[in-house]
């Protein structure tokens, strides 16, 4: 557990040095990092799945600046992201990556959605009444997030994620869902 937590903290915080290093060298102030995100989530909550595991998860994520390639224009302007969620009760933890699309609805009100893949350390085998059986080590992952951005660089949001394999990789497809609150630090606009 401590090793997983250390790897999550290092993975999320290491890109933070990039904007500072660029500014010290007199380079442009734009960053490859759009935002860093951290949160506290309720583990395995539903509503699309029934809760089996419980506890609190610590979540960390890095979102990178959107693609700037014209040939990718047909998918909008997604932000690539990498993150992880560590179960503090020793249940299923995960690392994930994918793309996040976001809009600002009103002054400061944001709505984000993401799609990608996740890998986890949970049960993939036989039924265990205390562990969610996910059938496959790699799952599809989707999230929705509604938030408020304030003071230019800060934001707070309500967050929900769902991971499953939709029956593509195995018959067992219990899925895993987390909900919670996340804090965002934005670099630039």
Protein backbone atom coordinates (compact mmCIF):
# COMPACT_ATOMS: atom_id res chain seq x y z
CA UNK A 1 0.00 0.00 0.00
CA UNK A 2 2.77 2.48 0.93
CA UNK A 3 4.66 1.63 -2.26
CA UNK A 4 1.51 2.20 -4.37
CA UNK A 5 0.89 5.53 -2.65
CA UNK A 6 4.50 6.63 -3.19
CA UNK A 7 4.36 5.73 -6.90
CA UNK A 8 1.08 7.63 -7.29
CA UNK A 9 2.50 10.76 -5.63
CA UNK A 10 5.69 10.62 -7.71
CA UNK A 11 3.78 9.99 -10.93
CA UNK A 12 1.41 12.88 -10.38
CA UNK A 13 3.93 15.38 -9.04
CA UNK A 14 6.91 14.82 -11.38
CA UNK A 15 5.39 16.74 -14.35
CA UNK A 16 4.98 19.75 -12.05
CA UNK A 17 8.66 20.57 -12.39
CA UNK A 18 8.33 21.05 -16.16
CA UNK A 19 6.60 24.48 -16.14
CA UNK A 20 8.95 25.86 -13.50
CA UNK A 21 12.04 24.66 -15.37
CA UNK A 22 10.80 26.21 -18.62
CA UNK A 23 10.23 29.57 -16.93
CA UNK A 24 13.68 29.56 -15.29
CA UNK A 25 15.34 29.04 -18.68
CA UNK A 26 13.44 32.00 -20.14
CA UNK A 27 11.43 29.73 -22.41
CA UNK A 28 7.80 30.33 -23.19
CA UNK A 29 5.54 30.13 -20.17
CA UNK A 30 3.14 27.68 -21.80
CA UNK A 31 3.25 24.23 -20.28
CA UNK A 32 2.59 20.73 -21.49
CA UNK A 33 0.64 20.29 -18.25
CA UNK A 34 -2.89 21.70 -18.33
CA UNK A 35 -3.76 20.83 -14.71
CA UNK A 36 -3.06 18.59 -11.77
CA UNK A 37 -5.94 17.07 -9.89
CA UNK A 38 -6.25 15.40 -6.51
CA UNK A 39 -9.25 14.09 -4.67
CA UNK A 40 -10.93 11.89 -2.14
CA UNK A 41 -13.41 9.33 -3.47
CA UNK A 42 -15.91 6.89 -1.99
CA UNK A 43 -14.86 3.45 -3.25
CA UNK A 44 -17.18 1.07 -5.17
CA UNK A 45 -20.34 3.11 -4.71
CA UNK A 46 -22.75 2.29 -7.55
CA UNK A 47 -25.29 3.31 -8.93
CA UNK A 48 -24.67 1.17 -12.04
CA UNK A 49 -23.13 -1.61 -9.96
CA UNK A 50 -23.90 -2.94 -6.51
CA UNK A 51 -21.28 -2.13 -3.82
CA UNK A 52 -19.03 -5.00 -2.72
CA UNK A 53 -15.83 -3.27 -1.57
CA UNK A 54 -15.84 -0.14 0.54
CA UNK A 55 -13.61 2.54 1.95
CA UNK A 56 -11.98 5.73 0.77
CA UNK A 57 -9.76 6.20 -2.28
CA UNK A 58 -7.06 8.81 -2.83
CA UNK A 59 -7.03 10.00 -6.45
CA UNK A 60 -4.35 11.89 -8.38
CA UNK A 61 -4.26 12.87 -12.03
CA UNK A 62 -2.25 14.94 -14.50
CA UNK A 63 -4.07 16.43 -17.48
CA UNK A 64 -1.93 17.59 -20.38
CA UNK A 65 -2.61 20.42 -22.83
CA UNK A 66 -5.02 19.58 -25.66
CA UNK A 67 -3.86 18.20 -28.98
CA UNK A 68 -2.86 20.95 -31.39
CA UNK A 69 -2.93 18.93 -34.58
CA UNK A 70 -5.46 19.89 -37.25
CA UNK A 71 -5.93 16.28 -38.30
CA UNK A 72 -7.29 15.56 -34.80
CA UNK A 73 -9.92 18.32 -35.09
CA UNK A 74 -12.71 15.81 -35.68
CA UNK A 75 -12.46 14.66 -32.03
CA UNK A 76 -12.52 18.17 -30.56
CA UNK A 77 -9.74 19.34 -28.28
CA UNK A 78 -9.24 16.53 -25.73
CA UNK A 79 -6.67 16.69 -22.97
CA UNK A 80 -4.66 13.49 -22.52
CA UNK A 81 -4.60 12.40 -18.89
CA UNK A 82 -2.75 9.92 -16.64
CA UNK A 83 -3.82 9.12 -13.11
CA UNK A 84 -4.27 6.65 -10.33
CA UNK A 85 -6.58 5.80 -7.48
CA UNK A 86 -5.31 4.08 -4.34
CA UNK A 87 -7.74 2.24 -2.07
CA UNK A 88 -6.92 3.09 1.55
CA UNK A 89 -8.68 -0.08 2.73
CA UNK A 90 -6.55 -2.43 0.61
CA UNK A 91 -9.25 -3.11 -1.98
CA UNK A 92 -8.97 -2.50 -5.74
CA UNK A 93 -6.53 0.27 -6.76
CA UNK A 94 -5.98 1.42 -10.34
CA UNK A 95 -3.85 3.36 -12.77
CA UNK A 96 -5.46 4.87 -15.84
CA UNK A 97 -5.05 6.99 -18.92
CA UNK A 98 -7.18 8.43 -21.67
CA UNK A 99 -8.66 11.63 -23.03
CA UNK A 100 -10.71 14.33 -21.25
CA UNK A 101 -13.10 16.69 -23.03
CA UNK A 102 -14.26 19.80 -21.18
CA UNK A 103 -16.42 22.88 -21.59
CA UNK A 104 -17.10 25.97 -19.53
CA UNK A 105 -20.88 26.35 -19.35
CA UNK A 106 -21.12 29.64 -17.45
CA UNK A 107 -18.57 31.90 -15.83
CA UNK A 108 -16.41 29.36 -13.96
CA UNK A 109 -18.84 26.41 -14.19
CA UNK A 110 -17.15 23.45 -15.91
CA UNK A 111 -18.30 20.10 -17.22
CA UNK A 112 -15.77 17.41 -18.16
CA UNK A 113 -16.05 13.86 -19.46
CA UNK A 114 -13.34 11.31 -20.12
CA UNK A 115 -12.80 7.95 -21.78
CA UNK A 116 -9.83 5.63 -21.60
CA UNK A 117 -8.42 2.45 -20.12
CA UNK A 118 -7.43 1.40 -16.62
CA UNK A 119 -5.40 -1.42 -15.10
CA UNK A 120 -6.11 -2.61 -11.57
CA UNK A 121 -4.86 -4.92 -8.83
CA UNK A 122 -8.31 -6.32 -7.94
CA UNK A 123 -9.85 -9.75 -8.26
CA UNK A 124 -10.19 -11.16 -11.79
CA UNK A 125 -10.98 -14.75 -10.86
CA UNK A 126 -13.48 -16.75 -8.90
CA UNK A 127 -16.21 -15.20 -6.79
CA UNK A 128 -15.06 -13.70 -3.49
CA UNK A 129 -17.79 -12.13 -1.31
CA UNK A 130 -15.36 -9.45 -0.06
CA UNK A 131 -13.76 -8.48 -3.37
CA UNK A 132 -15.29 -7.25 -6.61
CA UNK A 133 -14.59 -9.70 -9.44
CA UNK A 134 -13.77 -7.62 -12.52
CA UNK A 135 -12.96 -10.46 -14.94
CA UNK A 136 -10.09 -8.70 -16.71
CA UNK A 137 -6.96 -6.88 -15.57
CA UNK A 138 -7.59 -4.04 -18.09
CA UNK A 139 -10.96 -2.27 -18.26
CA UNK A 140 -12.57 0.60 -20.12
CA UNK A 141 -12.92 3.69 -17.92
CA UNK A 142 -15.31 6.64 -18.19
CA UNK A 143 -15.83 9.65 -15.94
CA UNK A 144 -18.03 12.71 -15.55
CA UNK A 145 -17.14 15.81 -13.56
CA UNK A 146 -18.98 19.05 -12.76
CA UNK A 147 -16.98 21.83 -11.15
CA UNK A 148 -16.31 25.44 -10.45
CA UNK A 149 -13.08 27.23 -11.46
CA UNK A 150 -12.11 30.22 -9.34
CA UNK A 151 -9.19 32.59 -8.76
CA UNK A 152 -7.82 31.74 -12.23
CA UNK A 153 -5.76 28.68 -11.20
CA UNK A 154 -8.06 26.78 -8.79
CA UNK A 155 -11.10 24.57 -9.13
CA UNK A 156 -13.26 22.18 -7.14
CA UNK A 157 -15.50 19.49 -8.61
CA UNK A 158 -17.88 16.61 -8.02
CA UNK A 159 -16.59 13.52 -9.80
CA UNK A 160 -17.83 10.04 -10.76
CA UNK A 161 -16.05 7.25 -12.65
CA UNK A 162 -17.15 3.88 -13.99
CA UNK A 163 -14.84 1.07 -15.14
CA UNK A 164 -15.85 -2.20 -16.78
CA UNK A 165 -15.09 -4.27 -19.87
CA UNK A 166 -18.67 -4.36 -21.19
CA UNK A 167 -18.50 -8.15 -21.54
CA UNK A 168 -15.82 -7.97 -24.24
CA UNK A 169 -13.01 -9.79 -22.40
CA UNK A 170 -14.79 -12.15 -20.01
CA UNK A 171 -18.26 -13.13 -18.86
CA UNK A 172 -17.66 -11.68 -15.40
CA UNK A 173 -18.27 -7.92 -15.68
CA UNK A 174 -19.14 -6.51 -12.27
CA UNK A 175 -17.66 -3.04 -12.94
CA UNK A 176 -16.26 -0.57 -10.43
CA UNK A 177 -17.48 2.94 -9.61
CA UNK A 178 -16.12 5.76 -7.47
CA UNK A 179 -17.61 9.16 -6.59
CA UNK A 180 -16.08 12.07 -4.73
CA UNK A 181 -14.64 15.55 -4.64
CA UNK A 182 -11.52 16.69 -6.50
CA UNK A 183 -9.35 19.82 -6.39
CA UNK A 184 -7.79 21.18 -9.62
CA UNK A 185 -4.77 23.40 -10.05
CA UNK A 186 -4.70 24.89 -13.57
CA UNK A 187 -1.53 26.07 -15.32
CA UNK A 188 -2.41 29.08 -17.46
CA UNK A 189 -5.75 29.39 -19.24
